[in-house]
Amino acid sequence: MRLLIKKIDDDGRLSLVPQFLDTPWEIEVVDTDDVAALDRALARADAMVSMSWQWSLPSASNLRLLQLPGAGTDEIDFGRVPSTTAICNCYEHEIGIAEYVLGALLEWTIGTRRLDQQFRAGSWAGSYLCGPRHGELFGKTIGIVGYGRIGREVARRAAAFGMRVVVCTRTPQQDEKIAERVDGMEGFGRLLAESDFIIVTPPLNDQTRGLFDRRAFAAMHREAVIVNVARGAIIDELALYEALAERRIGGAIIDVWYRYPPQGTPHGPQPSAHPFHELDNVLMTPHASAWTDGLLPRRNRAVATNLNRLARGEPLVNVVRAAAPARRPMERA
């Protein structure tokens, strides 16, 4: 069995896959910028690990599995992946993202870094001696849009802090143990109106692209804070900037953006066409929420699990699109 790994991903992020394999695999690193080399490699490959697919290559018809090392499928051109190739993704990022969300909410509400900096400079502002008082998460309403793995992990942690949890999602199922209410997307406006913190966690697709537009921000109350840990394009870029700059909402915690540098490049363009970095009601991070020391071992194990299953002829897990049966050559009469 032969596995292809893109050269750009041969930077350590898949280095643990071999130790989780218990079936025989040969691993080949391929430069996907060299289309001819990719075409030759695909002709002899059984599986490929990649978060993106934009090629139309006849040799890809031999590929049995396209394994995403992450969850998002927005960079996969499904029409170009042969129908006989199974497409699977993996998760394991929900723990880190949920911890990031609660950490960011605590920082927003308490302001520990600000208190530290002020105190180092000699100020007792914020103390019981002279105030002002900081906030609490307890009793606040957290509205979660999208209730998959990330949304549920955020909900569990928020509930532990005594927050009221309300949800809207495409496929609602009641969750009395954690969420007070789980609505379909018809409850989107209601959630916006009553939430102190709105957490954006759905996948990016045709239904969610631009979901948060000017009308959505108009439905939020003026102190509400929006937190995006999904994809930038789920929130209309200009509408978000205007709502923040004009103080029509309380603020934003943004970890996912509209412009990115090439992979492996620590410096690049500003992450948006608009100067979010000049606003004092924004906490901004460089798509870092999931990038934890626990993520890579978990994801490498998940990738290896499907490779082992493929090699043994067992059902794959986390199937996004199942493989269509291969066509048999027509028998001669």
Foldseek 3Di string as FASTA:
>chain_A
DEEEEEPLPPPPLLVCLVVLAPDDYHYDYFHVVPVVRVLVVLLPHQEYEDLADDDQHPSVLNHAEHEYLADANPRYPVVRRALQHFYFYDYLLQQLLLVVVVVVVCCLQQVPVVCVVCVVVPDPECDPVHYDDTGALAAFEEEEEACDSNNVSNQVVSVVSNYAYEYEYQDWDDDVVGHPYYHYCVCLLVSQQRHQEYEYADEDDPVQFQCAALVSLLSHQLAHEYEYLHEARSHDQVSVVCCQVVSSHNAYEYAHACDDDPPPDPDDDDRDPDPPVVGPRYHYHHSCRRVDPPRSVVSSSLVSVQVNCVSVVHDGPRTPRHRDDDDDPDDDD
